[in-house]
Amino acid sequence: MTLNRTAFFINNQWAKPASDRTFTIINASTGEPIATVPEGVEADMDAAVAAARNAFDNSGWATAPASERAAVMLRFMEAMAKRGPQLAEAVSLQNGMPVSLSNMLEAQFPAGLLQYYASLADTIGQPDVRPSQMGKETLVERRAIGVVAAIVPWNFPVTLAFSKIAPAMLAGCTLVIKPSPGTVLDSYLVAEAALEAGVPAGVINIVAADRAAGAYLVSHPQVDKVAFTGSTGAGRKIAGVCGELLRPVTLELGGKSAAVLLEDVDLNVFLPGIPMASMLNNGQACYNATRILAPAKRYDEIVGAVAGMVSQLSVGDAMDAATHVGPMASAAHRDRVEGYIAKGREEARLVAGGGRPANHNRGWFVEPTVFADVSNDAVIAQEEIFGPVLSIIKYSDEADAIRIANDSAFGLGGSVWSADSAHATDIARRVESGTVGVNGYMPALGSPFGGVKASGMGSEFGPEAVAGYQRVKSIYVMG
């Protein structure tokens, strides 16, 4: 069975592309081509935006009771859940995410997002009546913001699409979704689920494209809001365009988070937490705590324990259920990560990994790597590597640990580990980051997720995300 695709999903139809351009999809574990898909150009974006605009302005979707939209979302949830195994396989083939992880996250999290936001339907839509100091009362209304350009990265392509789709649908918005060129096959499964669920025409439109067409979408005159997840560099450019246009934008960007190990840390708790908190998705997760801050009194012990644990992780084909660490998402990205490892050899002491694993002559593999004696001003401690590379940094006392954790351009994730959970929580409050875990790390659907500083602005997840897809209007009733 071929995985090739020849059309875009626009207005609930399989639309013929405006050009003959295509992307070749590569299996990250083997380096072999597995499919071709069409590449969108400006005319394709025009068609998708027009469909979304018409659906928002004329279909009644935006003005329907939230309960009606929630009913559609629950059908969408069922259709997505049915496709969970296919979604997991598609993602792991394309970006190298271990299938054990994609079955847990990419297969289940999107359906969970739809269910969660559908459950909030009773909380939106009713005007907030407030007393007026100069008249009778004020009616504060929240309405859908309009057409949303949702730009999705390759590392968690389904989950990060639905972190935008679900709250936007509940608010009454319509969307044009631009997947990353490296992970497109999963988006066709999303489109098929939308059709099966009866999502109205034009509410969801999907056009895979590269940067030029993506930039065109961001600046499109019929787009009302941009929701972007990706690199800080790209986010700055999008923010600049949206600032010039006075266009609302949500940016979930990069990170260089710190895992702060307090002196009483139980390594039997921390070490099993590394795969999820510091090396999730082969290190290709924006909130990974890749800076390990260790107390001077236990530094050598922690270095040895982390190096030993990381060296035992199974590296292999993403489709193998026993794999802990799969390949990088592309050859270019592997080369980038290897460039940072080479820099790390100049700046610090290599204690684990550092090369390409034996017996993997195909695919884009990098060994899980650990550096010790890392200064926090080193390149490998300040720049986002986005690979399975950890830096262990020594601190003298808790004030020093907090200073080091906050000495970063980023502020997205992080964690604090201690036998005393209450004390760890107090330290977590002092870390300059949008999210921090205590004795573990995993975002929660019902809580806002977002960064500070160069890690972005705005929130995804939680009821706070819905507000990002609404406009607020005050009606002053004077008598």
Protein backbone atom coordinates (compact mmCIF):
# COMPACT_ATOMS: atom_id res chain seq x y z
CA MET A 1 0.00 0.00 0.00
CA THR A 2 1.44 3.36 -1.01
CA LEU A 3 1.70 6.22 1.47
CA ASN A 4 1.80 8.80 -1.31
CA ARG A 5 -0.72 11.65 -1.22
CA THR A 6 -1.74 13.92 -4.07
CA ALA A 7 -4.17 16.50 -2.63
CA PHE A 8 -4.73 19.01 0.15
CA PHE A 9 -7.64 19.04 2.58
CA ILE A 10 -9.57 22.24 1.88
CA ASN A 11 -13.27 22.88 2.56
CA ASN A 12 -13.83 19.19 3.37
CA GLN A 13 -12.62 18.21 -0.09
CA TRP A 14 -9.42 16.71 -1.45
CA ALA A 15 -8.24 19.72 -3.41
CA LYS A 16 -5.85 19.53 -6.34
CA PRO A 17 -2.59 21.40 -5.65
CA ALA A 18 -1.92 24.61 -7.55
CA SER A 19 1.58 23.41 -8.52
CA ASP A 20 3.45 20.17 -9.12
CA ARG A 21 5.82 20.71 -6.18
CA THR A 22 6.19 17.85 -3.74
CA PHE A 23 7.90 16.92 -0.49
CA THR A 24 9.63 13.57 -0.09
CA ILE A 25 8.92 12.01 3.28
CA ILE A 26 11.87 10.10 4.77
CA ASN A 27 11.90 7.28 7.32
CA ALA A 28 14.16 8.75 10.02
CA SER A 29 15.27 5.29 11.20
CA THR A 30 16.46 4.13 7.77
CA GLY A 31 17.00 7.27 5.71
CA GLU A 32 14.80 5.78 2.99
CA PRO A 33 12.01 7.65 1.15
CA ILE A 34 8.57 6.37 2.09
CA ALA A 35 6.17 8.80 0.39
CA THR A 36 5.66 11.94 -1.61
CA VAL A 37 3.10 14.59 -0.69
CA PRO A 38 2.17 17.88 -2.35
CA GLU A 39 3.86 21.11 -1.31
CA GLY A 40 1.60 24.11 -0.91
CA VAL A 41 2.21 27.42 -2.63
CA GLU A 42 0.53 30.80 -2.21
CA ALA A 43 -2.49 29.86 -4.33
CA ASP A 44 -3.13 26.84 -2.12
CA MET A 45 -2.96 29.03 0.97
CA ASP A 46 -5.40 31.47 -0.66
CA ALA A 47 -7.86 28.63 -1.25
CA ALA A 48 -7.54 27.34 2.31
CA VAL A 49 -7.93 30.79 3.87
CA ALA A 50 -10.94 31.52 1.65
CA ALA A 51 -12.60 28.31 2.83
CA ALA A 52 -11.90 29.14 6.47
CA ARG A 53 -13.10 32.72 5.99
CA ASN A 54 -16.36 31.64 4.40
CA ALA A 55 -16.99 29.05 7.11
CA PHE A 56 -16.40 31.62 9.83
CA ASP A 57 -18.46 34.38 8.25
CA ASN A 58 -21.34 32.44 6.72
CA SER A 59 -21.76 28.89 8.06
CA GLY A 60 -23.11 29.64 11.52
CA TRP A 61 -20.22 27.75 13.14
CA ALA A 62 -18.92 30.80 15.02
CA THR A 63 -22.35 31.85 16.32
CA ALA A 64 -23.71 28.40 17.20
CA PRO A 65 -24.07 27.52 20.88
CA ALA A 66 -20.83 26.18 22.28
CA SER A 67 -22.65 22.96 23.14
CA GLU A 68 -23.22 22.30 19.44
CA ARG A 69 -19.55 22.76 18.66
CA ALA A 70 -18.69 20.52 21.60
CA ALA A 71 -20.87 17.75 20.16
CA VAL A 72 -18.88 17.95 16.92
CA MET A 73 -15.64 17.87 18.90
CA LEU A 74 -16.68 14.72 20.74
CA ARG A 75 -17.38 12.97 17.44
CA PHE A 76 -14.00 14.19 16.25
CA MET A 77 -12.47 12.78 19.42
CA GLU A 78 -13.93 9.34 18.70
CA ALA A 79 -12.68 9.40 15.11
CA MET A 80 -9.20 10.41 16.27
CA ALA A 81 -9.08 7.75 18.98
CA LYS A 82 -9.99 5.12 16.40
CA ARG A 83 -6.95 6.17 14.36
CA GLY A 84 -4.56 6.25 17.32
CA PRO A 85 -2.33 3.35 16.23
CA GLN A 86 -2.10 4.70 12.67
CA LEU A 87 -1.21 8.17 13.95
CA ALA A 88 1.51 6.75 16.21
CA GLU A 89 3.01 4.74 13.36
CA ALA A 90 2.95 7.67 10.94
CA VAL A 91 4.68 9.99 13.41
CA SER A 92 7.36 7.47 14.42
CA LEU A 93 8.16 6.64 10.80
CA GLN A 94 8.62 10.30 9.92
CA ASN A 95 10.36 11.93 12.88
CA GLY A 96 11.91 9.00 14.76
CA MET A 97 9.81 9.28 17.92
CA PRO A 98 9.97 5.91 19.72
CA VAL A 99 6.69 4.17 18.99
CA SER A 100 6.19 3.45 22.68
CA LEU A 101 6.05 7.22 23.20
CA SER A 102 3.97 8.03 20.13
CA ASN A 103 1.41 5.42 21.20
CA MET A 104 1.14 7.23 24.53
CA LEU A 105 1.21 10.85 23.33
CA GLU A 106 0.46 11.29 19.63
CA ALA A 107 -2.17 8.52 19.64
CA GLN A 108 -4.02 9.60 22.78
CA PHE A 109 -3.27 13.21 23.74
CA PRO A 110 -5.11 14.83 20.77
CA ALA A 111 -8.33 12.96 21.54
CA GLY A 112 -7.90 13.98 25.17
CA LEU A 113 -7.58 17.63 24.16
CA LEU A 114 -10.83 17.47 22.18
CA GLN A 115 -12.61 15.84 25.10
CA TYR A 116 -11.22 18.33 27.60
CA TYR A 117 -12.17 21.43 25.64
CA ALA A 118 -15.60 20.03 24.78
CA SER A 119 -16.15 19.68 28.54
CA LEU A 120 -15.70 23.46 28.90
CA ALA A 121 -18.63 24.31 26.62
CA ASP A 122 -20.88 25.38 29.50
CA THR A 123 -18.29 27.91 30.67
CA ILE A 124 -18.22 30.06 27.53
CA GLY A 125 -20.73 31.98 25.47
CA GLN A 126 -22.73 33.71 28.20
CA PRO A 127 -22.13 37.46 28.64
CA ASP A 128 -20.50 38.54 31.88
CA VAL A 129 -22.77 41.16 33.48
CA ARG A 130 -20.82 43.72 35.48
CA PRO A 131 -21.86 46.79 37.45
CA SER A 132 -21.33 50.11 35.74
CA GLN A 133 -20.00 53.19 37.48
CA MET A 134 -21.56 55.52 34.89
CA GLY A 135 -24.71 53.68 33.82
CA LYS A 136 -26.91 50.65 34.46
CA GLU A 137 -24.53 47.78 33.68
CA THR A 138 -21.85 46.47 31.30
CA LEU A 139 -22.19 43.31 29.25
CA VAL A 140 -18.77 41.77 28.56
CA GLU A 141 -18.97 39.37 25.62
CA ARG A 142 -16.34 37.00 24.28
CA ARG A 143 -16.58 36.01 20.66
CA ALA A 144 -14.47 33.88 18.34
CA ILE A 145 -11.49 35.76 16.99
CA GLY A 146 -11.88 34.48 13.42
CA VAL A 147 -9.59 32.62 11.02
CA VAL A 148 -6.55 31.08 12.69
CA ALA A 149 -3.27 30.24 10.97
CA ALA A 150 -1.89 27.29 12.96
CA ILE A 151 1.75 26.50 12.20
CA VAL A 152 2.85 23.15 13.59
CA PRO A 153 6.39 21.74 14.07
CA TRP A 154 7.67 18.24 13.35
CA ASN A 155 8.51 17.00 16.85
CA PHE A 156 4.95 16.40 18.19
CA PRO A 157 2.95 17.08 15.03
CA VAL A 158 -0.44 15.74 16.13
CA THR A 159 -0.46 16.88 19.75
CA LEU A 160 0.79 20.36 18.87
CA ALA A 161 -1.77 20.68 16.11
CA PHE A 162 -4.59 19.84 18.51
CA SER A 163 -3.27 22.16 21.19
CA LYS A 164 -4.47 24.79 18.70
CA ILE A 165 -7.38 23.00 17.00
CA ALA A 166 -9.28 22.04 20.16
CA PRO A 167 -9.50 25.43 21.94
CA ALA A 168 -10.00 27.23 18.62
CA MET A 169 -12.93 24.95 17.71
CA LEU A 170 -14.56 25.46 21.10
CA ALA A 171 -14.25 29.24 20.72
CA GLY A 172 -15.86 29.05 17.27
CA CYS A 173 -12.82 29.77 15.11
CA THR A 174 -11.89 28.20 11.80
CA LEU A 175 -8.35 27.10 10.97
CA VAL A 176 -5.74 26.76 8.27
CA ILE A 177 -3.14 24.29 9.52
CA LYS A 178 0.36 24.20 8.07
CA PRO A 179 2.21 21.02 9.03
CA SER A 180 5.99 20.82 8.89
CA PRO A 181 7.36 19.38 5.62
CA GLY A 182 8.94 16.48 7.53
CA THR A 183 5.74 15.25 9.18
CA VAL A 184 2.79 15.43 6.82
CA LEU A 185 1.35 11.91 6.64
CA ASP A 186 -0.31 12.18 10.05
CA SER A 187 -2.22 15.29 8.94
CA TYR A 188 -4.12 13.24 6.35
CA LEU A 189 -5.34 10.94 9.10
CA VAL A 190 -6.53 14.04 10.97
CA ALA A 191 -8.40 15.18 7.86
CA GLU A 192 -10.05 11.79 7.45
CA ALA A 193 -11.13 11.89 11.09
CA ALA A 194 -12.61 15.37 10.62
CA LEU A 195 -14.63 14.14 7.66
CA GLU A 196 -15.89 11.10 9.53
CA ALA A 197 -16.87 13.25 12.51
CA GLY A 198 -18.85 15.70 10.39
CA VAL A 199 -16.73 18.74 11.18
CA PRO A 200 -18.36 21.43 9.00
CA ALA A 201 -16.69 22.34 5.72
CA GLY A 202 -14.03 25.01 6.06
CA VAL A 203 -13.56 24.70 9.82
CA ILE A 204 -10.34 22.69 9.36
CA ASN A 205 -8.12 23.08 6.30
CA ILE A 206 -4.67 21.54 5.98
CA VAL A 207 -1.92 22.59 3.56
CA ALA A 208 1.66 21.39 4.03
CA ALA A 209 4.18 23.99 2.94
CA ASP A 210 7.68 25.27 3.46
CA ARG A 211 8.79 28.55 5.00
CA ALA A 212 7.93 30.87 2.12
CA ALA A 213 4.30 29.76 1.87
CA GLY A 214 4.13 29.66 5.66
CA ALA A 215 5.27 33.28 5.82
CA TYR A 216 2.62 34.14 3.23
CA LEU A 217 -0.02 32.52 5.44
CA VAL A 218 1.14 34.45 8.52
CA SER A 219 0.74 37.77 6.71
CA HIS A 220 -2.45 36.85 4.81
CA PRO A 221 -4.98 39.71 5.03
CA GLN A 222 -7.86 37.33 5.79
CA VAL A 223 -6.13 35.69 8.79
CA ASP A 224 -7.16 37.02 12.21
CA LYS A 225 -4.73 35.21 14.53
CA VAL A 226 -1.52 33.18 14.30
CA ALA A 227 -0.70 30.26 16.59
CA PHE A 228 2.87 29.05 16.17
CA THR A 229 5.03 26.40 17.77
CA GLY A 230 8.67 26.21 16.70
CA SER A 231 12.08 27.75 17.07
CA THR A 232 12.70 31.06 18.79
CA GLY A 233 14.30 32.45 15.65
CA ALA A 234 11.24 31.75 13.53
CA GLY A 235 8.99 32.96 16.34
CA ARG A 236 10.73 36.33 16.42
CA LYS A 237 10.10 36.79 12.69
CA ILE A 238 6.44 35.85 13.05
CA ALA A 239 6.09 38.17 16.04
CA GLY A 240 7.56 40.99 13.97
CA VAL A 241 5.05 40.47 11.17
CA CYS A 242 2.13 40.17 13.56
CA GLY A 243 3.28 43.24 15.46
CA GLU A 244 3.34 45.27 12.27
CA LEU A 245 -0.16 44.02 11.38
CA LEU A 246 -1.44 44.35 14.96
CA ARG A 247 -2.46 40.70 14.63
CA PRO A 248 -2.85 38.54 17.77
CA VAL A 249 -0.27 35.77 18.02
CA THR A 250 0.54 32.90 20.36
CA LEU A 251 4.15 31.72 20.34
CA GLU A 252 5.37 28.50 21.94
CA LEU A 253 9.09 28.54 21.31
CA GLY A 254 12.36 26.98 22.40
CA GLY A 255 13.85 26.20 25.77
CA LYS A 256 16.99 25.35 27.70
CA SER A 257 15.40 24.20 30.91
CA ALA A 258 17.15 23.21 34.12
CA ALA A 259 16.59 20.18 36.33
CA VAL A 260 17.60 21.35 39.80
CA LEU A 261 18.73 18.44 41.99
CA LEU A 262 18.67 19.49 45.64
CA GLU A 263 21.12 17.96 48.11
CA ASP A 264 18.58 15.46 49.42
CA VAL A 265 17.55 14.24 45.95
CA ASP A 266 16.77 10.53 45.71
CA LEU A 267 18.56 9.34 42.59
CA ASN A 268 16.28 6.31 42.50
CA VAL A 269 13.51 8.82 41.70
CA PHE A 270 15.46 11.16 39.43
CA LEU A 271 17.22 8.64 37.18
CA PRO A 272 14.00 6.93 35.97
CA GLY A 273 12.60 10.40 35.37
CA ILE A 274 15.32 11.41 32.90
CA PRO A 275 13.65 9.93 29.77
CA MET A 276 10.49 11.98 30.30
CA ALA A 277 11.84 15.12 31.96
CA SER A 278 15.19 15.62 30.21
CA MET A 279 15.42 13.41 27.12
CA LEU A 280 11.84 13.07 25.87
CA ASN A 281 11.44 12.23 22.18
CA ASN A 282 15.16 11.65 21.62
CA GLY A 283 15.84 15.05 23.16
CA GLN A 284 13.59 16.71 20.59
CA ALA A 285 11.15 18.38 22.99
CA CYS A 286 11.19 22.11 23.68
CA TYR A 287 10.75 21.79 27.44
CA ASN A 288 13.41 19.12 28.07
CA ALA A 289 15.53 19.93 31.12
CA THR A 290 18.89 19.38 29.44
CA ARG A 291 20.83 21.36 32.06
CA ILE A 292 21.25 19.17 35.16
CA LEU A 293 22.15 21.33 38.15
CA ALA A 294 23.91 19.20 40.78
CA PRO A 295 25.09 20.19 44.28
CA ALA A 296 28.85 20.30 44.76
CA LYS A 297 28.67 17.87 47.69
CA ARG A 298 27.17 15.15 45.48
CA TYR A 299 28.48 16.20 42.09
CA ASP A 300 30.70 13.23 41.27
CA GLU A 301 28.04 10.78 42.46
CA ILE A 302 25.39 12.41 40.26
CA VAL A 303 27.68 12.60 37.22
CA GLY A 304 28.46 8.91 37.49
CA ALA A 305 24.83 7.94 38.02
CA VAL A 306 23.48 10.03 35.12
CA ALA A 307 26.22 8.86 32.73
CA GLY A 308 25.59 5.24 33.70
CA MET A 309 21.84 5.51 33.30
CA VAL A 310 21.98 7.31 29.94
CA SER A 311 24.52 4.79 28.60
CA GLN A 312 22.04 2.00 29.28
CA LEU A 313 19.24 3.50 27.18
CA SER A 314 18.37 1.37 24.17
CA VAL A 315 19.04 3.18 20.89
CA GLY A 316 17.30 1.81 17.84
CA ASP A 317 14.60 1.86 15.20
CA ALA A 318 11.70 4.09 16.21
CA MET A 319 9.23 1.33 15.34
CA ASP A 320 10.80 -1.09 17.84
CA ALA A 321 8.78 -1.08 21.08
CA ALA A 322 12.00 -1.69 23.05
CA THR A 323 13.66 1.51 21.79
CA HIS A 324 14.23 4.30 24.31
CA VAL A 325 16.05 6.69 21.97
CA GLY A 326 15.33 6.79 18.26
CA PRO A 327 16.98 8.79 15.49
CA MET A 328 17.03 12.51 14.95
CA ALA A 329 14.25 13.70 12.67
CA SER A 330 16.47 14.41 9.66
CA ALA A 331 20.03 14.21 8.41
CA ALA A 332 20.38 17.97 8.68
CA HIS A 333 19.21 17.95 12.28
CA ARG A 334 21.58 15.11 13.17
CA ASP A 335 24.44 17.15 11.73
CA ARG A 336 23.37 20.13 13.82
CA VAL A 337 23.31 18.08 17.02
CA GLU A 338 26.71 16.58 16.20
CA GLY A 339 28.05 20.09 15.75
CA TYR A 340 27.03 20.91 19.32
CA ILE A 341 28.61 17.70 20.60
CA ALA A 342 31.87 18.69 18.90
CA LYS A 343 31.63 22.08 20.60
CA GLY A 344 30.94 20.37 23.91
CA ARG A 345 34.16 18.36 23.62
CA GLU A 346 36.01 21.69 23.57
CA GLU A 347 34.07 23.21 26.48
CA ALA A 348 33.56 20.34 28.92
CA ARG A 349 34.28 16.72 29.83
CA LEU A 350 32.51 13.99 27.88
CA VAL A 351 31.31 11.23 30.22
CA ALA A 352 28.84 9.32 28.02
CA GLY A 353 28.06 8.94 24.33
CA GLY A 354 29.35 11.54 21.94
CA GLY A 355 29.22 9.58 18.70
CA ARG A 356 26.98 7.58 16.44
CA PRO A 357 25.82 4.25 17.89
CA ALA A 358 27.37 1.06 16.53
CA ASN A 359 25.27 -1.21 14.34
CA HIS A 360 23.22 1.68 12.96
CA ASN A 361 24.55 2.35 9.49
CA ARG A 362 21.26 3.84 8.32
CA GLY A 363 19.09 6.58 9.72
CA TRP A 364 19.94 9.71 11.66
CA PHE A 365 21.16 8.31 14.98
CA VAL A 366 23.14 10.07 17.72
CA GLU A 367 24.22 8.42 20.97
CA PRO A 368 22.67 9.79 24.16
CA THR A 369 25.41 12.11 25.38
CA VAL A 370 26.39 13.57 28.75
CA PHE A 371 28.91 16.32 29.50
CA ALA A 372 30.29 17.10 32.98
CA ASP A 373 32.23 20.09 34.32
CA VAL A 374 30.04 22.36 32.21
CA SER A 375 30.07 26.09 32.87
CA ASN A 376 26.63 27.66 32.56
CA ASP A 377 28.02 30.21 30.10
CA ALA A 378 29.19 27.46 27.73
CA VAL A 379 27.53 27.25 24.34
CA ILE A 380 26.14 23.81 25.12
CA ALA A 381 24.53 25.22 28.28
CA GLN A 382 23.03 28.33 26.70
CA GLU A 383 21.85 27.27 23.23
CA GLU A 384 19.04 24.85 22.48
CA ILE A 385 20.56 21.68 21.02
CA PHE A 386 17.28 19.78 20.56
CA GLY A 387 18.92 16.40 20.82
CA PRO A 388 19.85 13.77 23.46
CA VAL A 389 22.62 15.87 25.01
CA LEU A 390 22.76 16.68 28.74
CA SER A 391 25.04 19.15 30.53
CA ILE A 392 25.71 18.64 34.25
CA ILE A 393 26.48 21.93 36.01
CA LYS A 394 27.80 22.24 39.58
CA TYR A 395 26.29 24.67 42.10
CA SER A 396 27.40 25.66 45.61
CA ASP A 397 24.11 26.29 47.44
CA GLU A 398 20.42 26.72 46.65
CA ALA A 399 20.72 30.43 45.92
CA ASP A 400 23.45 29.58 43.41
CA ALA A 401 21.26 26.87 41.89
CA ILE A 402 18.37 29.30 41.40
CA ARG A 403 20.73 31.89 39.92
CA ILE A 404 22.10 29.36 37.41
CA ALA A 405 18.65 28.04 36.53
CA ASN A 406 17.51 31.60 35.76
CA ASP A 407 20.69 32.52 33.88
CA SER A 408 19.21 31.62 30.52
CA ALA A 409 17.57 33.42 27.63
CA PHE A 410 14.78 30.86 27.83
CA GLY A 411 12.06 30.02 30.35
CA LEU A 412 9.77 27.22 29.23
CA GLY A 413 10.14 24.13 31.43
CA GLY A 414 12.28 22.76 34.19
CA SER A 415 12.06 20.62 37.30
CA VAL A 416 13.13 20.48 40.94
CA TRP A 417 13.96 17.18 42.64
CA SER A 418 14.02 16.63 46.39
CA ALA A 419 12.89 14.23 49.09
CA ASP A 420 10.99 17.20 50.50
CA SER A 421 8.25 17.98 47.98
CA ALA A 422 7.12 21.14 49.79
CA HIS A 423 10.63 22.57 49.78
CA ALA A 424 11.08 21.64 46.10
CA THR A 425 7.83 23.47 45.34
CA ASP A 426 9.17 26.57 47.07
CA ILE A 427 12.30 26.43 44.92
CA ALA A 428 10.15 25.89 41.82
CA ARG A 429 8.34 29.17 42.54
CA ARG A 430 11.67 30.98 42.28
CA VAL A 431 12.58 29.53 38.88
CA GLU A 432 11.83 31.97 36.03
CA SER A 433 9.90 29.65 33.78
CA GLY A 434 6.36 29.25 32.48
CA THR A 435 6.20 25.69 33.81
CA VAL A 436 8.18 23.71 36.39
CA GLY A 437 7.78 20.14 37.58
CA VAL A 438 8.40 18.82 41.09
CA ASN A 439 9.98 15.35 41.17
CA GLY A 440 8.94 14.81 37.57
CA TYR A 441 7.63 16.73 34.60
CA MET A 442 4.61 16.28 32.34
CA PRO A 443 2.26 19.01 31.06
CA ALA A 444 -1.37 18.72 32.19
CA LEU A 445 -4.31 19.33 29.87
CA GLY A 446 -6.15 21.49 32.36
CA SER A 447 -3.25 23.82 33.19
CA PRO A 448 -1.73 26.58 31.04
CA PHE A 449 1.48 25.72 29.21
CA GLY A 450 3.69 28.48 27.86
CA GLY A 451 7.01 30.19 28.20
CA VAL A 452 8.58 33.45 29.31
CA LYS A 453 11.55 35.36 27.92
CA ALA A 454 12.70 33.84 24.60
CA SER A 455 10.43 30.83 25.09
CA GLY A 456 7.40 32.68 23.81
CA MET A 457 4.16 34.28 24.91
CA GLY A 458 0.60 33.14 25.42
CA SER A 459 -0.68 29.83 26.72
CA GLU A 460 -1.73 26.49 25.35
CA PHE A 461 -3.75 23.95 27.37
CA GLY A 462 -6.13 24.82 30.18
CA PRO A 463 -9.08 27.22 29.93
CA GLU A 464 -6.56 30.03 29.46
CA ALA A 465 -5.92 28.83 25.91
CA VAL A 466 -9.53 29.47 24.87
CA ALA A 467 -9.16 33.17 25.68
CA GLY A 468 -6.42 33.35 23.06
CA TYR A 469 -9.01 32.52 20.40
CA GLN A 470 -11.59 35.09 21.53
CA ARG A 471 -12.16 38.82 21.25
CA VAL A 472 -13.59 40.72 24.20
CA LYS A 473 -16.33 43.29 23.69
CA SER A 474 -17.91 45.57 26.30
CA ILE A 475 -21.49 46.80 25.82
CA TYR A 476 -22.26 49.72 28.11
CA VAL A 477 -25.97 49.73 29.00
CA MET A 478 -26.67 53.26 30.23
CA GLY A 479 -30.35 52.92 30.94
